[in-house]
mmCIF file of all heavy atoms, coordinates in Angstrom:
data_MODEL
# 
_entry.id   MODEL 
# 
loop_
_atom_site.group_PDB 
_atom_site.id 
_atom_site.type_symbol 
_atom_site.label_atom_id 
_atom_site.label_alt_id 
_atom_site.label_comp_id 
_atom_site.label_asym_id 
_atom_site.label_entity_id 
_atom_site.label_seq_id 
_atom_site.pdbx_PDB_ins_code 
_atom_site.Cartn_x 
_atom_site.Cartn_y 
_atom_site.Cartn_z 
_atom_site.occupancy 
_atom_site.B_iso_or_equiv 
_atom_site.pdbx_formal_charge 
_atom_site.auth_seq_id 
_atom_site.auth_comp_id 
_atom_site.auth_asym_id 
_atom_site.auth_atom_id 
_atom_site.pdbx_PDB_model_num 
ATOM 1   N N   . GLN A 1 1  ? -89.290 -19.582 -12.507 1.00 0.00 ? 1  GLN A N   1 
ATOM 2   C CA  . GLN A 1 1  ? -89.478 -20.808 -13.430 1.00 0.00 ? 1  GLN A CA  1 
ATOM 3   C C   . GLN A 1 1  ? -88.751 -20.459 -14.701 1.00 0.00 ? 1  GLN A C   1 
ATOM 4   O O   . GLN A 1 1  ? -89.142 -19.487 -15.399 1.00 0.00 ? 1  GLN A O   1 
ATOM 5   C CB  . GLN A 1 1  ? -90.942 -21.040 -13.640 1.00 0.00 ? 1  GLN A CB  1 
ATOM 6   C CG  . GLN A 1 1  ? -91.274 -22.360 -14.323 1.00 0.00 ? 1  GLN A CG  1 
ATOM 7   C CD  . GLN A 1 1  ? -91.392 -23.468 -13.411 1.00 0.00 ? 1  GLN A CD  1 
ATOM 8   O OE1 . GLN A 1 1  ? -91.827 -23.343 -12.294 1.00 0.00 ? 1  GLN A OE1 1 
ATOM 9   N NE2 . GLN A 1 1  ? -91.099 -24.745 -13.907 1.00 0.00 ? 1  GLN A NE2 1 
ATOM 10  N N   . ILE A 1 2  ? -87.757 -21.315 -15.006 1.00 0.00 ? 2  ILE A N   1 
ATOM 11  C CA  . ILE A 1 2  ? -87.007 -21.096 -16.238 1.00 0.00 ? 2  ILE A CA  1 
ATOM 12  C C   . ILE A 1 2  ? -87.672 -21.746 -17.481 1.00 0.00 ? 2  ILE A C   1 
ATOM 13  O O   . ILE A 1 2  ? -87.639 -21.303 -18.577 1.00 0.00 ? 2  ILE A O   1 
ATOM 14  C CB  . ILE A 1 2  ? -85.553 -21.530 -16.108 1.00 0.00 ? 2  ILE A CB  1 
ATOM 15  C CG1 . ILE A 1 2  ? -84.856 -20.763 -15.013 1.00 0.00 ? 2  ILE A CG1 1 
ATOM 16  C CG2 . ILE A 1 2  ? -84.812 -21.482 -17.415 1.00 0.00 ? 2  ILE A CG2 1 
ATOM 17  C CD1 . ILE A 1 2  ? -84.678 -19.319 -15.340 1.00 0.00 ? 2  ILE A CD1 1 
ATOM 18  N N   . SER A 1 3  ? -88.002 -22.956 -17.234 1.00 0.00 ? 3  SER A N   1 
ATOM 19  C CA  . SER A 1 3  ? -88.783 -23.835 -18.365 1.00 0.00 ? 3  SER A CA  1 
ATOM 20  C C   . SER A 1 3  ? -89.757 -24.659 -17.620 1.00 0.00 ? 3  SER A C   1 
ATOM 21  O O   . SER A 1 3  ? -89.980 -24.501 -16.429 1.00 0.00 ? 3  SER A O   1 
ATOM 22  C CB  . SER A 1 3  ? -87.750 -24.650 -19.031 1.00 0.00 ? 3  SER A CB  1 
ATOM 23  O OG  . SER A 1 3  ? -87.080 -25.526 -18.157 1.00 0.00 ? 3  SER A OG  1 
ATOM 24  N N   . GLU A 1 4  ? -90.443 -25.620 -18.364 1.00 0.00 ? 4  GLU A N   1 
ATOM 25  C CA  . GLU A 1 4  ? -91.487 -26.383 -17.817 1.00 0.00 ? 4  GLU A CA  1 
ATOM 26  C C   . GLU A 1 4  ? -91.116 -27.137 -16.596 1.00 0.00 ? 4  GLU A C   1 
ATOM 27  O O   . GLU A 1 4  ? -91.810 -27.351 -15.658 1.00 0.00 ? 4  GLU A O   1 
ATOM 28  C CB  . GLU A 1 4  ? -92.023 -27.322 -18.898 1.00 0.00 ? 4  GLU A CB  1 
ATOM 29  C CG  . GLU A 1 4  ? -93.249 -28.143 -18.402 1.00 0.00 ? 4  GLU A CG  1 
ATOM 30  C CD  . GLU A 1 4  ? -93.720 -29.033 -19.575 1.00 0.00 ? 4  GLU A CD  1 
ATOM 31  O OE1 . GLU A 1 4  ? -93.233 -28.939 -20.582 1.00 0.00 ? 4  GLU A OE1 1 
ATOM 32  O OE2 . GLU A 1 4  ? -94.531 -29.885 -19.340 1.00 0.00 ? 4  GLU A OE2 1 
ATOM 33  N N   . ASN A 1 5  ? -89.735 -27.610 -16.640 1.00 0.00 ? 5  ASN A N   1 
ATOM 34  C CA  . ASN A 1 5  ? -89.357 -28.604 -15.415 1.00 0.00 ? 5  ASN A CA  1 
ATOM 35  C C   . ASN A 1 5  ? -88.107 -28.026 -14.737 1.00 0.00 ? 5  ASN A C   1 
ATOM 36  O O   . ASN A 1 5  ? -87.420 -28.728 -14.009 1.00 0.00 ? 5  ASN A O   1 
ATOM 37  C CB  . ASN A 1 5  ? -89.236 -29.880 -15.935 1.00 0.00 ? 5  ASN A CB  1 
ATOM 38  C CG  . ASN A 1 5  ? -88.056 -30.015 -16.911 1.00 0.00 ? 5  ASN A CG  1 
ATOM 39  O OD1 . ASN A 1 5  ? -87.607 -29.068 -17.496 1.00 0.00 ? 5  ASN A OD1 1 
ATOM 40  N ND2 . ASN A 1 5  ? -87.658 -31.215 -17.259 1.00 0.00 ? 5  ASN A ND2 1 
ATOM 41  N N   . VAL A 1 6  ? -87.751 -26.695 -14.868 1.00 0.00 ? 6  VAL A N   1 
ATOM 42  C CA  . VAL A 1 6  ? -86.550 -26.228 -14.293 1.00 0.00 ? 6  VAL A CA  1 
ATOM 43  C C   . VAL A 1 6  ? -86.817 -24.909 -13.585 1.00 0.00 ? 6  VAL A C   1 
ATOM 44  O O   . VAL A 1 6  ? -87.442 -23.921 -14.102 1.00 0.00 ? 6  VAL A O   1 
ATOM 45  C CB  . VAL A 1 6  ? -85.429 -25.936 -15.275 1.00 0.00 ? 6  VAL A CB  1 
ATOM 46  C CG1 . VAL A 1 6  ? -84.177 -25.398 -14.629 1.00 0.00 ? 6  VAL A CG1 1 
ATOM 47  C CG2 . VAL A 1 6  ? -85.007 -27.226 -15.988 1.00 0.00 ? 6  VAL A CG2 1 
ATOM 48  N N   . ARG A 1 7  ? -86.483 -24.830 -12.306 1.00 0.00 ? 7  ARG A N   1 
ATOM 49  C CA  . ARG A 1 7  ? -86.496 -23.578 -11.547 1.00 0.00 ? 7  ARG A CA  1 
ATOM 50  C C   . ARG A 1 7  ? -85.207 -23.255 -10.888 1.00 0.00 ? 7  ARG A C   1 
ATOM 51  O O   . ARG A 1 7  ? -84.336 -24.049 -10.719 1.00 0.00 ? 7  ARG A O   1 
ATOM 52  C CB  . ARG A 1 7  ? -87.503 -23.785 -10.321 1.00 0.00 ? 7  ARG A CB  1 
ATOM 53  C CG  . ARG A 1 7  ? -88.962 -23.979 -10.791 1.00 0.00 ? 7  ARG A CG  1 
ATOM 54  C CD  . ARG A 1 7  ? -89.817 -24.170 -9.605  1.00 0.00 ? 7  ARG A CD  1 
ATOM 55  N NE  . ARG A 1 7  ? -91.225 -24.442 -9.988  1.00 0.00 ? 7  ARG A NE  1 
ATOM 56  C CZ  . ARG A 1 7  ? -92.275 -24.869 -9.190  1.00 0.00 ? 7  ARG A CZ  1 
ATOM 57  N NH1 . ARG A 1 7  ? -92.067 -24.996 -7.848  1.00 0.00 ? 7  ARG A NH1 1 
ATOM 58  N NH2 . ARG A 1 7  ? -93.437 -25.134 -9.689  1.00 0.00 ? 7  ARG A NH2 1 
ATOM 59  N N   . ILE A 1 8  ? -85.022 -21.978 -10.767 1.00 0.00 ? 8  ILE A N   1 
ATOM 60  C CA  . ILE A 1 8  ? -83.883 -21.343 -10.116 1.00 0.00 ? 8  ILE A CA  1 
ATOM 61  C C   . ILE A 1 8  ? -84.218 -20.852 -8.745  1.00 0.00 ? 8  ILE A C   1 
ATOM 62  O O   . ILE A 1 8  ? -85.107 -20.165 -8.494  1.00 0.00 ? 8  ILE A O   1 
ATOM 63  C CB  . ILE A 1 8  ? -83.227 -20.228 -10.893 1.00 0.00 ? 8  ILE A CB  1 
ATOM 64  C CG1 . ILE A 1 8  ? -82.753 -20.772 -12.249 1.00 0.00 ? 8  ILE A CG1 1 
ATOM 65  C CG2 . ILE A 1 8  ? -82.128 -19.490 -10.249 1.00 0.00 ? 8  ILE A CG2 1 
ATOM 66  C CD1 . ILE A 1 8  ? -81.628 -21.751 -12.278 1.00 0.00 ? 8  ILE A CD1 1 
ATOM 67  N N   . LEU A 1 9  ? -83.418 -21.315 -7.778  1.00 0.00 ? 9  LEU A N   1 
ATOM 68  C CA  . LEU A 1 9  ? -83.465 -20.845 -6.441  1.00 0.00 ? 9  LEU A CA  1 
ATOM 69  C C   . LEU A 1 9  ? -82.332 -19.798 -6.173  1.00 0.00 ? 9  LEU A C   1 
ATOM 70  O O   . LEU A 1 9  ? -81.229 -20.108 -5.976  1.00 0.00 ? 9  LEU A O   1 
ATOM 71  C CB  . LEU A 1 9  ? -83.358 -21.913 -5.453  1.00 0.00 ? 9  LEU A CB  1 
ATOM 72  C CG  . LEU A 1 9  ? -83.404 -21.653 -4.012  1.00 0.00 ? 9  LEU A CG  1 
ATOM 73  C CD1 . LEU A 1 9  ? -84.791 -21.091 -3.599  1.00 0.00 ? 9  LEU A CD1 1 
ATOM 74  C CD2 . LEU A 1 9  ? -83.152 -22.904 -3.112  1.00 0.00 ? 9  LEU A CD2 1 
ATOM 75  N N   . ALA A 1 10 ? -82.723 -18.513 -6.346  1.00 0.00 ? 10 ALA A N   1 
ATOM 76  C CA  . ALA A 1 10 ? -81.701 -17.482 -6.241  1.00 0.00 ? 10 ALA A CA  1 
ATOM 77  C C   . ALA A 1 10 ? -81.728 -16.931 -4.887  1.00 0.00 ? 10 ALA A C   1 
ATOM 78  O O   . ALA A 1 10 ? -82.553 -16.338 -4.393  1.00 0.00 ? 10 ALA A O   1 
ATOM 79  C CB  . ALA A 1 10 ? -82.111 -16.319 -7.251  1.00 0.00 ? 10 ALA A CB  1 
ATOM 80  N N   . LEU A 1 11 ? -80.581 -17.178 -4.087  1.00 0.00 ? 11 LEU A N   1 
ATOM 81  C CA  . LEU A 1 11 ? -80.479 -16.963 -2.696  1.00 0.00 ? 11 LEU A CA  1 
ATOM 82  C C   . LEU A 1 11 ? -79.592 -15.781 -2.348  1.00 0.00 ? 11 LEU A C   1 
ATOM 83  O O   . LEU A 1 11 ? -78.392 -15.710 -2.812  1.00 0.00 ? 11 LEU A O   1 
ATOM 84  C CB  . LEU A 1 11 ? -79.969 -18.058 -2.006  1.00 0.00 ? 11 LEU A CB  1 
ATOM 85  C CG  . LEU A 1 11 ? -80.807 -19.397 -2.131  1.00 0.00 ? 11 LEU A CG  1 
ATOM 86  C CD1 . LEU A 1 11 ? -80.217 -20.646 -1.437  1.00 0.00 ? 11 LEU A CD1 1 
ATOM 87  C CD2 . LEU A 1 11 ? -82.242 -19.108 -1.603  1.00 0.00 ? 11 LEU A CD2 1 
ATOM 88  N N   . ASN A 1 12 ? -79.980 -14.841 -1.530  1.00 0.00 ? 12 ASN A N   1 
ATOM 89  C CA  . ASN A 1 12 ? -79.046 -13.810 -0.937  1.00 0.00 ? 12 ASN A CA  1 
ATOM 90  C C   . ASN A 1 12 ? -78.604 -14.262 0.316   1.00 0.00 ? 12 ASN A C   1 
ATOM 91  O O   . ASN A 1 12 ? -79.384 -14.505 1.272   1.00 0.00 ? 12 ASN A O   1 
ATOM 92  C CB  . ASN A 1 12 ? -79.769 -12.477 -0.910  1.00 0.00 ? 12 ASN A CB  1 
ATOM 93  C CG  . ASN A 1 12 ? -78.781 -11.378 -0.512  1.00 0.00 ? 12 ASN A CG  1 
ATOM 94  O OD1 . ASN A 1 12 ? -78.254 -11.356 0.656   1.00 0.00 ? 12 ASN A OD1 1 
ATOM 95  N ND2 . ASN A 1 12 ? -78.664 -10.450 -1.468  1.00 0.00 ? 12 ASN A ND2 1 
ATOM 96  N N   . ASP A 1 13 ? -77.268 -14.524 0.461   1.00 0.00 ? 13 ASP A N   1 
ATOM 97  C CA  . ASP A 1 13 ? -76.710 -15.102 1.739   1.00 0.00 ? 13 ASP A CA  1 
ATOM 98  C C   . ASP A 1 13 ? -75.905 -14.025 2.397   1.00 0.00 ? 13 ASP A C   1 
ATOM 99  O O   . ASP A 1 13 ? -74.916 -14.509 3.193   1.00 0.00 ? 13 ASP A O   1 
ATOM 100 C CB  . ASP A 1 13 ? -75.965 -16.435 1.413   1.00 0.00 ? 13 ASP A CB  1 
ATOM 101 C CG  . ASP A 1 13 ? -74.778 -16.077 0.518   1.00 0.00 ? 13 ASP A CG  1 
ATOM 102 O OD1 . ASP A 1 13 ? -74.447 -14.944 0.213   1.00 0.00 ? 13 ASP A OD1 1 
ATOM 103 O OD2 . ASP A 1 13 ? -74.079 -17.030 0.095   1.00 0.00 ? 13 ASP A OD2 1 
ATOM 104 N N   . ASP A 1 14 ? -75.954 -12.833 2.269   1.00 0.00 ? 14 ASP A N   1 
ATOM 105 C CA  . ASP A 1 14 ? -75.114 -11.872 2.882   1.00 0.00 ? 14 ASP A CA  1 
ATOM 106 C C   . ASP A 1 14 ? -75.035 -11.971 4.346   1.00 0.00 ? 14 ASP A C   1 
ATOM 107 O O   . ASP A 1 14 ? -73.959 -11.759 4.957   1.00 0.00 ? 14 ASP A O   1 
ATOM 108 C CB  . ASP A 1 14 ? -75.646 -10.445 2.535   1.00 0.00 ? 14 ASP A CB  1 
ATOM 109 C CG  . ASP A 1 14 ? -75.367 -10.023 1.105   1.00 0.00 ? 14 ASP A CG  1 
ATOM 110 O OD1 . ASP A 1 14 ? -74.733 -10.827 0.391   1.00 0.00 ? 14 ASP A OD1 1 
ATOM 111 O OD2 . ASP A 1 14 ? -75.913 -8.971  0.583   1.00 0.00 ? 14 ASP A OD2 1 
ATOM 112 N N   . LYS A 1 15 ? -76.159 -12.144 5.065   1.00 0.00 ? 15 LYS A N   1 
ATOM 113 C CA  . LYS A 1 15 ? -76.053 -12.160 6.488   1.00 0.00 ? 15 LYS A CA  1 
ATOM 114 C C   . LYS A 1 15 ? -77.071 -13.145 7.142   1.00 0.00 ? 15 LYS A C   1 
ATOM 115 O O   . LYS A 1 15 ? -78.237 -13.249 6.760   1.00 0.00 ? 15 LYS A O   1 
ATOM 116 C CB  . LYS A 1 15 ? -76.342 -10.798 7.094   1.00 0.00 ? 15 LYS A CB  1 
ATOM 117 C CG  . LYS A 1 15 ? -75.209 -9.768  6.977   1.00 0.00 ? 15 LYS A CG  1 
ATOM 118 C CD  . LYS A 1 15 ? -75.417 -8.624  7.867   1.00 0.00 ? 15 LYS A CD  1 
ATOM 119 C CE  . LYS A 1 15 ? -74.195 -7.604  7.840   1.00 0.00 ? 15 LYS A CE  1 
ATOM 120 N NZ  . LYS A 1 15 ? -74.277 -6.462  8.761   1.00 0.00 ? 15 LYS A NZ  1 
ATOM 121 N N   . ASN A 1 16 ? -76.550 -13.954 8.100   1.00 0.00 ? 16 ASN A N   1 
ATOM 122 C CA  . ASN A 1 16 ? -77.435 -14.845 8.849   1.00 0.00 ? 16 ASN A CA  1 
ATOM 123 C C   . ASN A 1 16 ? -77.594 -14.129 10.314  1.00 0.00 ? 16 ASN A C   1 
ATOM 124 O O   . ASN A 1 16 ? -77.410 -12.887 10.302  1.00 0.00 ? 16 ASN A O   1 
ATOM 125 C CB  . ASN A 1 16 ? -76.798 -16.175 9.109   1.00 0.00 ? 16 ASN A CB  1 
ATOM 126 C CG  . ASN A 1 16 ? -75.408 -16.114 9.785   1.00 0.00 ? 16 ASN A CG  1 
ATOM 127 O OD1 . ASN A 1 16 ? -75.044 -15.006 10.442  1.00 0.00 ? 16 ASN A OD1 1 
ATOM 128 N ND2 . ASN A 1 16 ? -74.670 -17.117 9.853   1.00 0.00 ? 16 ASN A ND2 1 
ATOM 129 N N   . GLN A 1 17 ? -78.146 -14.721 11.224  1.00 0.00 ? 17 GLN A N   1 
ATOM 130 C CA  . GLN A 1 17 ? -78.489 -14.209 12.557  1.00 0.00 ? 17 GLN A CA  1 
ATOM 131 C C   . GLN A 1 17 ? -77.280 -13.587 13.276  1.00 0.00 ? 17 GLN A C   1 
ATOM 132 O O   . GLN A 1 17 ? -77.363 -12.784 14.119  1.00 0.00 ? 17 GLN A O   1 
ATOM 133 C CB  . GLN A 1 17 ? -79.300 -15.179 13.368  1.00 0.00 ? 17 GLN A CB  1 
ATOM 134 C CG  . GLN A 1 17 ? -78.495 -16.268 13.810  1.00 0.00 ? 17 GLN A CG  1 
ATOM 135 C CD  . GLN A 1 17 ? -78.383 -17.433 12.900  1.00 0.00 ? 17 GLN A CD  1 
ATOM 136 O OE1 . GLN A 1 17 ? -78.856 -17.319 11.749  1.00 0.00 ? 17 GLN A OE1 1 
ATOM 137 N NE2 . GLN A 1 17 ? -77.614 -18.443 13.142  1.00 0.00 ? 17 GLN A NE2 1 
ATOM 138 N N   . ASN A 1 18 ? -76.101 -14.087 12.891  1.00 0.00 ? 18 ASN A N   1 
ATOM 139 C CA  . ASN A 1 18 ? -74.830 -13.656 13.502  1.00 0.00 ? 18 ASN A CA  1 
ATOM 140 C C   . ASN A 1 18 ? -74.074 -12.661 12.737  1.00 0.00 ? 18 ASN A C   1 
ATOM 141 O O   . ASN A 1 18 ? -72.973 -12.197 13.149  1.00 0.00 ? 18 ASN A O   1 
ATOM 142 C CB  . ASN A 1 18 ? -73.864 -14.953 13.585  1.00 0.00 ? 18 ASN A CB  1 
ATOM 143 C CG  . ASN A 1 18 ? -74.500 -16.047 14.495  1.00 0.00 ? 18 ASN A CG  1 
ATOM 144 O OD1 . ASN A 1 18 ? -75.097 -15.738 15.512  1.00 0.00 ? 18 ASN A OD1 1 
ATOM 145 N ND2 . ASN A 1 18 ? -74.293 -17.376 14.057  1.00 0.00 ? 18 ASN A ND2 1 
ATOM 146 N N   . GLY A 1 19 ? -74.689 -12.180 11.653  1.00 0.00 ? 19 GLY A N   1 
ATOM 147 C CA  . GLY A 1 19 ? -74.043 -11.126 10.862  1.00 0.00 ? 19 GLY A CA  1 
ATOM 148 C C   . GLY A 1 19 ? -72.958 -11.657 9.911   1.00 0.00 ? 19 GLY A C   1 
ATOM 149 O O   . GLY A 1 19 ? -72.286 -10.916 9.325   1.00 0.00 ? 19 GLY A O   1 
ATOM 150 N N   . HIS A 1 20 ? -72.927 -13.023 9.784   1.00 0.00 ? 20 HIS A N   1 
ATOM 151 C CA  . HIS A 1 20 ? -72.020 -13.503 8.765   1.00 0.00 ? 20 HIS A CA  1 
ATOM 152 C C   . HIS A 1 20 ? -72.827 -14.143 7.643   1.00 0.00 ? 20 HIS A C   1 
ATOM 153 O O   . HIS A 1 20 ? -74.032 -14.135 7.532   1.00 0.00 ? 20 HIS A O   1 
ATOM 154 C CB  . HIS A 1 20 ? -71.231 -14.653 9.461   1.00 0.00 ? 20 HIS A CB  1 
ATOM 155 C CG  . HIS A 1 20 ? -70.463 -14.225 10.692  1.00 0.00 ? 20 HIS A CG  1 
ATOM 156 N ND1 . HIS A 1 20 ? -70.348 -14.910 11.883  1.00 0.00 ? 20 HIS A ND1 1 
ATOM 157 C CD2 . HIS A 1 20 ? -69.609 -13.100 10.736  1.00 0.00 ? 20 HIS A CD2 1 
ATOM 158 C CE1 . HIS A 1 20 ? -69.507 -14.270 12.616  1.00 0.00 ? 20 HIS A CE1 1 
ATOM 159 N NE2 . HIS A 1 20 ? -69.051 -13.173 12.153  1.00 0.00 ? 20 HIS A NE2 1 
ATOM 160 N N   . ALA A 1 21 ? -72.102 -14.551 6.523   1.00 0.00 ? 21 ALA A N   1 
ATOM 161 C CA  . ALA A 1 21 ? -72.710 -15.107 5.382   1.00 0.00 ? 21 ALA A CA  1 
ATOM 162 C C   . ALA A 1 21 ? -73.614 -16.364 5.709   1.00 0.00 ? 21 ALA A C   1 
ATOM 163 O O   . ALA A 1 21 ? -73.114 -17.290 6.535   1.00 0.00 ? 21 ALA A O   1 
ATOM 164 C CB  . ALA A 1 21 ? -71.654 -15.499 4.308   1.00 0.00 ? 21 ALA A CB  1 
ATOM 165 N N   . GLY A 1 22 ? -74.809 -16.403 5.263   1.00 0.00 ? 22 GLY A N   1 
ATOM 166 C CA  . GLY A 1 22 ? -75.622 -17.657 5.559   1.00 0.00 ? 22 GLY A CA  1 
ATOM 167 C C   . GLY A 1 22 ? -77.052 -17.119 5.589   1.00 0.00 ? 22 GLY A C   1 
ATOM 168 O O   . GLY A 1 22 ? -77.443 -16.142 4.991   1.00 0.00 ? 22 GLY A O   1 
ATOM 169 N N   . PHE A 1 23 ? -77.845 -17.958 6.395   1.00 0.00 ? 23 PHE A N   1 
ATOM 170 C CA  . PHE A 1 23 ? -79.337 -17.756 6.389   1.00 0.00 ? 23 PHE A CA  1 
ATOM 171 C C   . PHE A 1 23 ? -79.838 -17.808 7.837   1.00 0.00 ? 23 PHE A C   1 
ATOM 172 O O   . PHE A 1 23 ? -79.334 -18.575 8.636   1.00 0.00 ? 23 PHE A O   1 
ATOM 173 C CB  . PHE A 1 23 ? -79.971 -18.773 5.619   1.00 0.00 ? 23 PHE A CB  1 
ATOM 174 C CG  . PHE A 1 23 ? -79.415 -18.986 4.171   1.00 0.00 ? 23 PHE A CG  1 
ATOM 175 C CD1 . PHE A 1 23 ? -78.578 -20.051 3.976   1.00 0.00 ? 23 PHE A CD1 1 
ATOM 176 C CD2 . PHE A 1 23 ? -79.663 -18.009 3.202   1.00 0.00 ? 23 PHE A CD2 1 
ATOM 177 C CE1 . PHE A 1 23 ? -78.027 -20.210 2.675   1.00 0.00 ? 23 PHE A CE1 1 
ATOM 178 C CE2 . PHE A 1 23 ? -79.082 -18.232 1.945   1.00 0.00 ? 23 PHE A CE2 1 
ATOM 179 C CZ  . PHE A 1 23 ? -78.254 -19.349 1.658   1.00 0.00 ? 23 PHE A CZ  1 
ATOM 180 N N   . THR A 1 24 ? -80.891 -17.045 8.073   1.00 0.00 ? 24 THR A N   1 
ATOM 181 C CA  . THR A 1 24 ? -81.509 -17.089 9.398   1.00 0.00 ? 24 THR A CA  1 
ATOM 182 C C   . THR A 1 24 ? -82.372 -18.401 9.363   1.00 0.00 ? 24 THR A C   1 
ATOM 183 O O   . THR A 1 24 ? -82.668 -18.985 8.282   1.00 0.00 ? 24 THR A O   1 
ATOM 184 C CB  . THR A 1 24 ? -82.501 -15.898 9.617   1.00 0.00 ? 24 THR A CB  1 
ATOM 185 O OG1 . THR A 1 24 ? -83.419 -15.747 8.660   1.00 0.00 ? 24 THR A OG1 1 
ATOM 186 C CG2 . THR A 1 24 ? -81.529 -14.577 9.682   1.00 0.00 ? 24 THR A CG2 1 
ATOM 187 N N   . GLU A 1 25 ? -82.933 -18.713 10.444  1.00 0.00 ? 25 GLU A N   1 
ATOM 188 C CA  . GLU A 1 25 ? -83.767 -19.906 10.493  1.00 0.00 ? 25 GLU A CA  1 
ATOM 189 C C   . GLU A 1 25 ? -85.042 -19.678 9.697   1.00 0.00 ? 25 GLU A C   1 
ATOM 190 O O   . GLU A 1 25 ? -85.462 -20.544 8.945   1.00 0.00 ? 25 GLU A O   1 
ATOM 191 C CB  . GLU A 1 25 ? -84.138 -20.172 11.959  1.00 0.00 ? 25 GLU A CB  1 
ATOM 192 C CG  . GLU A 1 25 ? -85.072 -21.478 12.226  1.00 0.00 ? 25 GLU A CG  1 
ATOM 193 C CD  . GLU A 1 25 ? -84.606 -22.726 11.595  1.00 0.00 ? 25 GLU A CD  1 
ATOM 194 O OE1 . GLU A 1 25 ? -83.365 -22.831 11.580  1.00 0.00 ? 25 GLU A OE1 1 
ATOM 195 O OE2 . GLU A 1 25 ? -85.335 -23.588 11.128  1.00 0.00 ? 25 GLU A OE2 1 
# 
């Protein structure tokens, strides 16, 4: 939470289920 009405979604996308950049299910 950065301020009253702002949030940051900080994502690590190094590897998905295939070993490539992205996200698992």
